[in-house]
Amino acid sequence: MHERCIEQKLTKAAKKRGGIALKFVSPSFAGMPDRLVLLPEGKIGFVELKATGQKPRALQRARHEMLRRLGFKVFVPDNIDEIEEVLNEIQSP
């Protein structure tokens, strides 16, 4: 499955839950996740979308680990069936 299709599903599913999935662009800090998901009650998560079977590059993995050390949730779905699980995890305490 193409990354674009998974990304569209994420943005629609976040909106359905009353949130938004913003395109995250950081020109001076490469390797950051594709989307910043903001859900009701101050829930936040970073999502790096990949086409089915694809894995993050080394720099992306390093950025994900940095964000996790800072206490943020980071997800890397590569399939449309993972979207609801990712959003559930973002909304969990």
N, C-alpha and C. Protein backbone atom coordinates (compact mmCIF):
# COMPACT_ATOMS: atom_id res chain seq x y z
N MET A 1 0.84 -1.17 0.00
CA MET A 1 0.00 0.00 0.00
C MET A 1 0.89 1.24 0.00
N HIS A 2 0.48 2.25 -0.73
CA HIS A 2 1.24 3.48 -0.85
C HIS A 2 1.15 4.33 0.42
N GLU A 3 2.22 5.03 0.71
CA GLU A 3 2.27 5.90 1.90
C GLU A 3 1.15 6.93 1.87
N ARG A 4 0.88 7.47 0.71
CA ARG A 4 -0.16 8.50 0.56
C ARG A 4 -1.53 8.01 1.02
N CYS A 5 -1.86 6.77 0.70
CA CYS A 5 -3.16 6.19 1.10
C CYS A 5 -3.25 6.05 2.61
N ILE A 6 -2.17 5.62 3.23
CA ILE A 6 -2.13 5.46 4.67
C ILE A 6 -2.24 6.83 5.34
N GLU A 7 -1.56 7.82 4.77
CA GLU A 7 -1.60 9.18 5.29
C GLU A 7 -3.01 9.76 5.23
N GLN A 8 -3.71 9.54 4.15
CA GLN A 8 -5.09 10.02 4.00
C GLN A 8 -6.00 9.38 5.04
N LYS A 9 -5.83 8.11 5.27
CA LYS A 9 -6.63 7.39 6.27
C LYS A 9 -6.36 7.97 7.66
N LEU A 10 -5.10 8.25 7.97
CA LEU A 10 -4.75 8.82 9.26
C LEU A 10 -5.42 10.18 9.46
N THR A 11 -5.34 11.06 8.47
CA THR A 11 -5.91 12.39 8.63
C THR A 11 -7.43 12.33 8.79
N LYS A 12 -8.09 11.46 8.05
CA LYS A 12 -9.55 11.31 8.17
C LYS A 12 -9.94 10.72 9.51
N ALA A 13 -9.20 9.72 9.97
CA ALA A 13 -9.52 9.07 11.24
C ALA A 13 -9.28 10.02 12.41
N ALA A 14 -8.23 10.83 12.35
CA ALA A 14 -7.96 11.81 13.41
C ALA A 14 -9.09 12.84 13.46
N LYS A 15 -9.52 13.30 12.30
CA LYS A 15 -10.61 14.28 12.23
C LYS A 15 -11.90 13.68 12.79
N LYS A 16 -12.16 12.43 12.49
CA LYS A 16 -13.36 11.75 12.98
C LYS A 16 -13.38 11.69 14.51
N ARG A 17 -12.20 11.66 15.13
CA ARG A 17 -12.08 11.63 16.59
C ARG A 17 -12.04 13.03 17.20
N GLY A 18 -12.24 14.04 16.37
CA GLY A 18 -12.24 15.41 16.86
C GLY A 18 -10.86 16.05 16.91
N GLY A 19 -9.89 15.45 16.22
CA GLY A 19 -8.52 15.96 16.24
C GLY A 19 -8.05 16.36 14.86
N ILE A 20 -6.74 16.55 14.75
CA ILE A 20 -6.12 16.88 13.47
C ILE A 20 -4.78 16.15 13.36
N ALA A 21 -4.40 15.89 12.12
CA ALA A 21 -3.10 15.27 11.84
C ALA A 21 -2.35 16.23 10.92
N LEU A 22 -1.58 17.11 11.52
CA LEU A 22 -0.88 18.14 10.78
C LEU A 22 0.36 17.60 10.07
N LYS A 23 0.56 18.07 8.85
CA LYS A 23 1.80 17.76 8.13
C LYS A 23 2.91 18.46 8.90
N PHE A 24 3.94 17.73 9.29
CA PHE A 24 5.01 18.29 10.10
C PHE A 24 6.24 18.44 9.24
N VAL A 25 6.67 19.69 9.04
CA VAL A 25 7.83 19.98 8.22
C VAL A 25 8.83 20.76 9.07
N SER A 26 10.04 20.28 9.14
CA SER A 26 11.08 20.94 9.91
C SER A 26 12.32 21.07 9.03
N PRO A 27 12.38 22.12 8.20
CA PRO A 27 13.45 22.26 7.22
C PRO A 27 14.87 22.22 7.80
N SER A 28 15.04 22.74 9.00
CA SER A 28 16.38 22.79 9.56
C SER A 28 16.71 21.60 10.46
N PHE A 29 15.78 20.61 10.51
CA PHE A 29 15.99 19.46 11.39
C PHE A 29 15.43 18.23 10.68
N ALA A 30 16.20 17.68 9.77
CA ALA A 30 15.76 16.56 8.93
C ALA A 30 15.48 15.30 9.76
N GLY A 31 14.64 14.45 9.21
CA GLY A 31 14.38 13.15 9.81
C GLY A 31 13.21 13.12 10.77
N MET A 32 12.51 14.26 10.92
CA MET A 32 11.37 14.29 11.83
C MET A 32 10.18 13.56 11.21
N PRO A 33 9.26 13.05 12.04
CA PRO A 33 8.09 12.32 11.53
C PRO A 33 7.22 13.17 10.60
N ASP A 34 6.43 12.49 9.76
CA ASP A 34 5.60 13.14 8.75
C ASP A 34 4.44 13.94 9.33
N ARG A 35 3.80 13.40 10.37
CA ARG A 35 2.58 14.01 10.90
C ARG A 35 2.65 14.20 12.41
N LEU A 36 2.06 15.28 12.86
CA LEU A 36 1.89 15.58 14.27
C LEU A 36 0.40 15.43 14.53
N VAL A 37 0.02 14.42 15.31
CA VAL A 37 -1.39 14.14 15.56
C VAL A 37 -1.78 14.75 16.90
N LEU A 38 -2.79 15.62 16.84
CA LEU A 38 -3.31 16.29 18.02
C LEU A 38 -4.75 15.85 18.22
N LEU A 39 -5.02 15.22 19.37
CA LEU A 39 -6.36 14.70 19.67
C LEU A 39 -6.91 15.40 20.91
N PRO A 40 -8.24 15.32 21.11
CA PRO A 40 -8.84 15.97 22.26
C PRO A 40 -8.15 15.59 23.58
N GLU A 41 -8.29 16.50 24.55
CA GLU A 41 -7.74 16.34 25.89
C GLU A 41 -6.21 16.41 25.90
N GLY A 42 -5.64 17.13 24.94
CA GLY A 42 -4.20 17.37 24.93
C GLY A 42 -3.35 16.16 24.56
N LYS A 43 -3.90 15.22 23.86
CA LYS A 43 -3.15 14.03 23.45
C LYS A 43 -2.38 14.33 22.17
N ILE A 44 -1.11 13.94 22.16
CA ILE A 44 -0.23 14.24 21.02
C ILE A 44 0.62 13.02 20.67
N GLY A 45 0.86 12.85 19.40
CA GLY A 45 1.75 11.77 18.94
C GLY A 45 2.36 12.13 17.60
N PHE A 46 3.53 11.61 17.35
CA PHE A 46 4.21 11.79 16.07
C PHE A 46 4.03 10.52 15.25
N VAL A 47 3.76 10.68 13.97
CA VAL A 47 3.55 9.52 13.10
C VAL A 47 4.41 9.64 11.85
N GLU A 48 5.26 8.63 11.66
CA GLU A 48 6.09 8.49 10.46
C GLU A 48 5.42 7.45 9.59
N LEU A 49 4.86 7.87 8.47
CA LEU A 49 4.14 6.96 7.59
C LEU A 49 5.09 6.33 6.58
N LYS A 50 4.89 5.05 6.35
CA LYS A 50 5.71 4.31 5.39
C LYS A 50 4.81 3.45 4.51
N ALA A 51 5.23 3.27 3.27
CA ALA A 51 4.54 2.32 2.40
C ALA A 51 4.74 0.92 2.98
N THR A 52 3.82 0.05 2.69
CA THR A 52 3.87 -1.30 3.22
C THR A 52 5.24 -1.94 2.98
N GLY A 53 5.83 -2.44 4.07
CA GLY A 53 7.12 -3.11 3.99
C GLY A 53 8.32 -2.19 4.11
N GLN A 54 8.11 -0.89 4.05
CA GLN A 54 9.22 0.06 4.15
C GLN A 54 9.55 0.35 5.61
N LYS A 55 10.80 0.69 5.88
CA LYS A 55 11.28 0.99 7.23
C LYS A 55 11.89 2.39 7.25
N PRO A 56 11.90 3.03 8.42
CA PRO A 56 12.53 4.35 8.53
C PRO A 56 14.03 4.29 8.25
N ARG A 57 14.55 5.38 7.71
CA ARG A 57 16.00 5.51 7.49
C ARG A 57 16.69 5.71 8.84
N ALA A 58 17.99 5.58 8.86
CA ALA A 58 18.76 5.69 10.10
C ALA A 58 18.53 7.03 10.80
N LEU A 59 18.54 8.12 10.06
CA LEU A 59 18.32 9.43 10.66
C LEU A 59 16.92 9.53 11.25
N GLN A 60 15.93 8.97 10.55
CA GLN A 60 14.57 8.97 11.08
C GLN A 60 14.49 8.17 12.38
N ARG A 61 15.12 7.02 12.40
CA ARG A 61 15.12 6.21 13.63
C ARG A 61 15.75 6.97 14.79
N ALA A 62 16.83 7.71 14.51
CA ALA A 62 17.48 8.50 15.55
C ALA A 62 16.55 9.60 16.07
N ARG A 63 15.85 10.26 15.17
CA ARG A 63 14.90 11.31 15.59
C ARG A 63 13.76 10.71 16.40
N HIS A 64 13.26 9.56 15.98
CA HIS A 64 12.17 8.90 16.72
C HIS A 64 12.62 8.58 18.14
N GLU A 65 13.82 8.06 18.26
CA GLU A 65 14.35 7.71 19.58
C GLU A 65 14.53 8.96 20.44
N MET A 66 14.99 10.05 19.85
CA MET A 66 15.13 11.31 20.58
C MET A 66 13.77 11.78 21.11
N LEU A 67 12.75 11.72 20.26
CA LEU A 67 11.41 12.13 20.68
C LEU A 67 10.88 11.23 21.80
N ARG A 68 11.13 9.94 21.68
CA ARG A 68 10.69 9.01 22.74
C ARG A 68 11.40 9.30 24.06
N ARG A 69 12.70 9.60 24.00
CA ARG A 69 13.43 9.95 25.23
C ARG A 69 12.85 11.20 25.89
N LEU A 70 12.30 12.09 25.07
CA LEU A 70 11.67 13.30 25.58
C LEU A 70 10.25 13.05 26.11
N GLY A 71 9.79 11.82 25.95
CA GLY A 71 8.48 11.45 26.48
C GLY A 71 7.34 11.47 25.49
N PHE A 72 7.63 11.64 24.21
CA PHE A 72 6.58 11.66 23.21
C PHE A 72 6.33 10.27 22.63
N LYS A 73 5.11 10.07 22.17
CA LYS A 73 4.76 8.82 21.50
C LYS A 73 5.08 8.97 20.02
N VAL A 74 5.74 7.95 19.46
CA VAL A 74 6.12 7.95 18.04
C VAL A 74 5.70 6.62 17.44
N PHE A 75 5.06 6.69 16.28
CA PHE A 75 4.54 5.49 15.62
C PHE A 75 4.98 5.46 14.16
N VAL A 76 5.12 4.24 13.63
CA VAL A 76 5.54 4.07 12.23
C VAL A 76 4.63 3.02 11.57
N PRO A 77 3.40 3.41 11.25
CA PRO A 77 2.52 2.45 10.57
C PRO A 77 2.90 2.31 9.09
N ASP A 78 2.80 1.08 8.59
CA ASP A 78 3.07 0.86 7.17
C ASP A 78 1.89 0.16 6.51
N ASN A 79 0.73 0.29 7.17
CA ASN A 79 -0.46 -0.38 6.66
C ASN A 79 -1.69 0.28 7.24
N ILE A 80 -2.70 0.38 6.44
CA ILE A 80 -3.93 1.09 6.80
C ILE A 80 -4.60 0.49 8.03
N ASP A 81 -4.43 -0.80 8.24
CA ASP A 81 -5.07 -1.48 9.38
C ASP A 81 -4.47 -1.06 10.72
N GLU A 82 -3.33 -0.41 10.72
CA GLU A 82 -2.67 0.01 11.97
C GLU A 82 -3.14 1.38 12.47
N ILE A 83 -3.87 2.12 11.64
CA ILE A 83 -4.22 3.50 11.97
C ILE A 83 -5.05 3.60 13.25
N GLU A 84 -6.09 2.81 13.37
CA GLU A 84 -6.95 2.90 14.56
C GLU A 84 -6.16 2.55 15.83
N GLU A 85 -5.28 1.57 15.75
CA GLU A 85 -4.44 1.20 16.89
C GLU A 85 -3.52 2.35 17.28
N VAL A 86 -2.94 3.02 16.28
CA VAL A 86 -2.06 4.17 16.56
C VAL A 86 -2.85 5.25 17.28
N LEU A 87 -4.04 5.58 16.77
CA LEU A 87 -4.85 6.63 17.40
C LEU A 87 -5.30 6.22 18.80
N ASN A 88 -5.61 4.96 18.99
CA ASN A 88 -5.96 4.48 20.34
C ASN A 88 -4.79 4.67 21.30
N GLU A 89 -3.59 4.36 20.83
CA GLU A 89 -2.39 4.51 21.68
C GLU A 89 -2.14 5.98 22.01
N ILE A 90 -2.35 6.86 21.05
CA ILE A 90 -2.16 8.29 21.30
C ILE A 90 -3.16 8.76 22.36
N GLN A 91 -4.38 8.27 22.29
CA GLN A 91 -5.41 8.69 23.24
C GLN A 91 -5.29 8.03 24.61
N SER A 92 -4.50 6.98 24.72
CA SER A 92 -4.39 6.31 26.01
C SER A 92 -3.53 7.16 26.97
N PRO A 93 -3.72 6.96 28.28
CA PRO A 93 -2.96 7.75 29.27
C PRO A 93 -1.47 7.49 29.22
